[in-house]
C-alpha atoms as a PDB file:
ATOM      1  CA  MET A   1     142.586 122.266 121.962  1.00  0.00           C
ATOM      2  CA  PRO A   2     142.243 123.669 125.503  1.00  0.00           C
ATOM      3  CA  ARG A   3     139.021 122.956 127.320  1.00  0.00           C
ATOM      4  CA  ASN A   4     136.944 125.676 128.841  1.00  0.00           C
ATOM      5  CA  PRO A   5     137.062 125.813 132.636  1.00  0.00           C
ATOM      6  CA  ARG A   6     134.130 124.318 134.469  1.00  0.00           C
ATOM      7  CA  LEU A   7     131.992 126.362 136.774  1.00  0.00           C
ATOM      8  CA  HIS A   8     129.519 124.918 139.229  1.00  0.00           C
ATOM      9  CA  ILE A   9     126.732 127.281 140.213  1.00  0.00           C
ATOM     10  CA  ARG A  10     123.381 127.075 141.922  1.00  0.00           C
ATOM     11  CA  VAL A  11     120.327 128.499 140.185  1.00  0.00           C
ATOM     12  CA  SER A  12     116.663 128.522 141.056  1.00  0.00           C
ATOM     13  CA  GLU A  13     114.556 125.619 139.885  1.00  0.00           C
ATOM     14  CA  ALA A  14     112.491 127.953 137.678  1.00  0.00           C
ATOM     15  CA  ASN A  15     115.584 129.320 135.909  1.00  0.00           C
ATOM     16  CA  HIS A  16     116.997 125.818 135.547  1.00  0.00           C
ATOM     17  CA  ARG A  17     113.790 124.713 133.805  1.00  0.00           C
ATOM     18  CA  LYS A  18     113.818 127.771 131.528  1.00  0.00           C
ATOM     19  CA  VAL A  19     117.443 127.203 130.501  1.00  0.00           C
ATOM     20  CA  LYS A  20     116.847 123.484 129.894  1.00  0.00           C
ATOM     21  CA  GLN A  21     113.710 124.234 127.863  1.00  0.00           C
ATOM     22  CA  PHE A  22     115.480 126.906 125.783  1.00  0.00           C
ATOM     23  CA  SER A  23     118.405 124.568 125.254  1.00  0.00           C
ATOM     24  CA  ALA A  24     116.128 121.786 124.036  1.00  0.00           C
ATOM     25  CA  GLU A  25     114.046 124.052 121.779  1.00  0.00           C
ATOM     26  CA  HIS A  26     117.041 125.622 120.055  1.00  0.00           C
ATOM     27  CA  GLY A  27     119.499 122.752 120.191  1.00  0.00           C
ATOM     28  CA  VAL A  28     122.092 124.766 122.075  1.00  0.00           C
ATOM     29  CA  HIS A  29     124.247 123.420 124.898  1.00  0.00           C
ATOM     30  CA  VAL A  30     123.357 124.848 128.315  1.00  0.00           C
ATOM     31  CA  GLY A  31     126.956 125.923 128.902  1.00  0.00           C
ATOM     32  CA  THR A  32     126.915 127.926 125.675  1.00  0.00           C
ATOM     33  CA  LEU A  33     123.711 129.690 126.740  1.00  0.00           C
ATOM     34  CA  VAL A  34     125.138 130.627 130.115  1.00  0.00           C
ATOM     35  CA  ASP A  35     128.412 131.770 128.515  1.00  0.00           C
ATOM     36  CA  GLU A  36     126.536 134.006 126.044  1.00  0.00           C
ATOM     37  CA  ALA A  37     124.350 135.419 128.808  1.00  0.00           C
ATOM     38  CA  LEU A  38     127.386 136.263 130.932  1.00  0.00           C
ATOM     39  CA  THR A  39     129.171 137.802 127.942  1.00  0.00           C
ATOM     40  CA  LEU A  40     126.207 140.096 127.300  1.00  0.00           C
ATOM     41  CA  LEU A  41     125.879 140.862 130.997  1.00  0.00           C
ATOM     42  CA  PHE A  42     129.487 142.064 131.249  1.00  0.00           C
ATOM     43  CA  THR A  43     129.557 143.881 127.887  1.00  0.00           C
ATOM     44  CA  PRO A  44     128.998 147.640 128.241  1.00  0.00           C
ATOM     45  CA  PRO A  45     125.604 148.677 126.784  1.00  0.00           C
ATOM     46  CA  GLU A  46     127.141 150.763 123.993  1.00  0.00           C
ATOM     47  CA  ASP A  47     129.212 147.767 122.806  1.00  0.00           C
ATOM     48  CA  ARG A  48     126.356 145.262 122.691  1.00  0.00           C
ATOM     49  CA  PRO A  49     125.211 144.042 119.280  1.00  0.00           C
ATOM     50  CA  ASP A  50     121.773 145.571 119.660  1.00  0.00           C
ATOM     51  CA  ALA A  51     123.227 149.003 120.510  1.00  0.00           C
ATOM     52  CA  ALA A  52     123.995 149.773 116.853  1.00  0.00           C
ATOM     53  CA  ILE A  53     120.457 148.863 115.836  1.00  0.00           C
ATOM     54  CA  ILE A  54     118.937 150.982 118.592  1.00  0.00           C
ATOM     55  CA  GLN A  55     121.131 153.963 117.684  1.00  0.00           C
ATOM     56  CA  ARG A  56     120.111 153.655 114.046  1.00  0.00           C
ATOM     57  CA  LEU A  57     116.421 153.489 114.985  1.00  0.00           C
ATOM     58  CA  GLU A  58     116.812 156.614 117.109  1.00  0.00           C
ATOM     59  CA  ARG A  59     118.405 158.442 114.158  1.00  0.00           C
ATOM     60  CA  VAL A  60     115.549 157.332 111.884  1.00  0.00           C
ATOM     61  CA  GLU A  61     112.990 158.524 114.447  1.00  0.00           C
ATOM     62  CA  ASP A  62     114.749 161.907 114.587  1.00  0.00           C
ATOM     63  CA  GLN A  63     114.686 162.146 110.775  1.00  0.00           C
ATOM     64  CA  ILE A  64     110.984 161.267 110.685  1.00  0.00           C
ATOM     65  CA  GLU A  65     110.312 163.984 113.270  1.00  0.00           C
ATOM     66  CA  LYS A  66     112.201 166.529 111.134  1.00  0.00           C
ATOM     67  CA  LEU A  67     110.290 165.455 108.009  1.00  0.00           C
ATOM     68  CA  GLU A  68     106.935 165.782 109.779  1.00  0.00           C
ATOM     69  CA  THR A  69     107.902 169.241 111.012  1.00  0.00           C
ATOM     70  CA  GLY A  70     108.975 170.225 107.486  1.00  0.00           C
ATOM     71  CA  ILE A  71     105.728 168.940 106.005  1.00  0.00           C
ATOM     72  CA  ALA A  72     103.734 170.893 108.573  1.00  0.00           C
ATOM     73  CA  PHE A  73     105.676 174.065 107.791  1.00  0.00           C
ATOM     74  CA  GLN A  74     105.255 173.661 104.026  1.00  0.00           C
ATOM     75  CA  THR A  75     101.551 172.943 104.425  1.00  0.00           C
ATOM     76  CA  ASP A  76     101.121 176.089 106.499  1.00  0.00           C
ATOM     77  CA  LEU A  77     102.919 178.078 103.803  1.00  0.00           C
ATOM     78  CA  LEU A  78     100.706 176.613 101.075  1.00  0.00           C
ATOM     79  CA  ILE A  79      97.526 177.419 102.988  1.00  0.00           C
ATOM     80  CA  GLU A  80      98.747 180.952 103.711  1.00  0.00           C
ATOM     81  CA  PHE A  81      99.580 181.393 100.032  1.00  0.00           C
ATOM     82  CA  ILE A  82      96.113 180.205  98.959  1.00  0.00           C
ATOM     83  CA  PHE A  83      94.336 182.516 101.405  1.00  0.00           C
ATOM     84  CA  GLU A  84      96.554 185.460 100.451  1.00  0.00           C
ATOM     85  CA  TRP A  85      95.931 184.780  96.771  1.00  0.00           C
ATOM     86  CA  LEU A  86      92.185 184.669  97.383  1.00  0.00           C
ATOM     87  CA  ARG A  87      92.335 187.866  99.461  1.00  0.00           C
ATOM     88  CA  GLN A  88      94.197 189.806  96.751  1.00  0.00           C
ATOM     89  CA  ARG A  89      91.741 188.973  94.010  1.00  0.00           C
ATOM     90  CA  PRO A  90      90.225 192.038  92.368  1.00  0.00           C
ATOM     91  CA  GLY A  91      87.065 193.555  93.805  1.00  0.00           C
ATOM     92  CA  LYS A  92      83.668 191.963  93.654  1.00  0.00           C
ATOM     93  CA  ASN A  93      82.550 190.760  90.312  1.00  0.00           C
ATOM     94  CA  PRO A  94      79.002 191.927  89.620  1.00  0.00           C
ATOM     95  CA  LEU A  95      78.297 188.645  87.856  1.00  0.00           C
ATOM     96  CA  GLU A  96      79.485 186.537  90.818  1.00  0.00           C
ATOM     97  CA  THR A  97      76.668 184.919  92.772  1.00  0.00           C
ATOM     98  CA  GLN A  98      76.311 183.425  96.237  1.00  0.00           C
ATOM     99  CA  ALA A  99      76.472 179.976  94.601  1.00  0.00           C
ATOM    100  CA  ASP A 100      79.878 180.878  93.112  1.00  0.00           C
ATOM    101  CA  ALA A 101      81.169 181.912  96.523  1.00  0.00           C
ATOM    102  CA  ALA A 102      79.822 178.727  98.102  1.00  0.00           C
ATOM    103  CA  ARG A 103      81.397 176.619  95.345  1.00  0.00           C
ATOM    104  CA  ALA A 104      84.749 178.402  95.810  1.00  0.00           C
ATOM    105  CA  ARG A 105      84.574 177.841  99.579  1.00  0.00           C
ATOM    106  CA  THR A 106      83.787 174.142  99.040  1.00  0.00           C
ATOM    107  CA  GLU A 107      86.643 173.780  96.550  1.00  0.00           C
ATOM    108  CA  LEU A 108      89.060 175.514  98.938  1.00  0.00           C
ATOM    109  CA  GLU A 109      88.017 173.208 101.788  1.00  0.00           C
ATOM    110  CA  ALA A 110      88.433 170.164  99.535  1.00  0.00           C
ATOM    111  CA  LEU A 111      91.899 171.379  98.502  1.00  0.00           C
ATOM    112  CA  THR A 112      92.853 171.961 102.128  1.00  0.00           C
ATOM    113  CA  LYS A 113      91.679 168.478 103.107  1.00  0.00           C
ATOM    114  CA  ARG A 114      93.687 166.951 100.260  1.00  0.00           C
ATOM    115  CA  VAL A 115      96.834 168.887 101.103  1.00  0.00           C
ATOM    116  CA  VAL A 116      96.703 168.667 104.879  1.00  0.00           C
ATOM    117  CA  ASP A 117      96.985 165.426 106.781  1.00  0.00           C
ATOM    118  CA  ARG A 118      94.828 166.117 109.824  1.00  0.00           C
ATOM    119  CA  SER A 119      96.479 163.314 111.785  1.00  0.00           C
ATOM    120  CA  ASN A 120      99.745 165.268 111.840  1.00  0.00           C
ATOM    121  CA  PRO A 121      99.967 166.839 115.325  1.00  0.00           C
ATOM    122  CA  HIS A 122     102.485 169.469 114.154  1.00  0.00           C
ATOM    123  CA  ILE A 123      99.861 171.172 112.026  1.00  0.00           C
ATOM    124  CA  TRP A 124      96.754 171.154 114.190  1.00  0.00           C
ATOM    125  CA  ASN A 125      98.147 171.688 117.686  1.00  0.00           C
END
């Protein structure tokens, strides 16, 4: 089995301590740590192991953004439908009182609060 070539380098005392400490904590040979670090250093960013994870997270973030936008749009449609439905109701009922109107307003506000997530910036901005 061929041996890996040796390389003698000078590093700062602080980095030497960090590498030694990491090596001791994880039970990894110092040469292996340096070899891995150099491999990652010379690997193009798009080919690094974490690149696939980052790309996937970006796609998920884009999908979440689209879902939030869709929810905001559907909520706006629902609220418009409710207001239009209330507007098209037949004329005033002679038996309807101010208390009925106040109760209807309260129920509509409660429905709106249940349907609409006020923390969603797409709806309220």
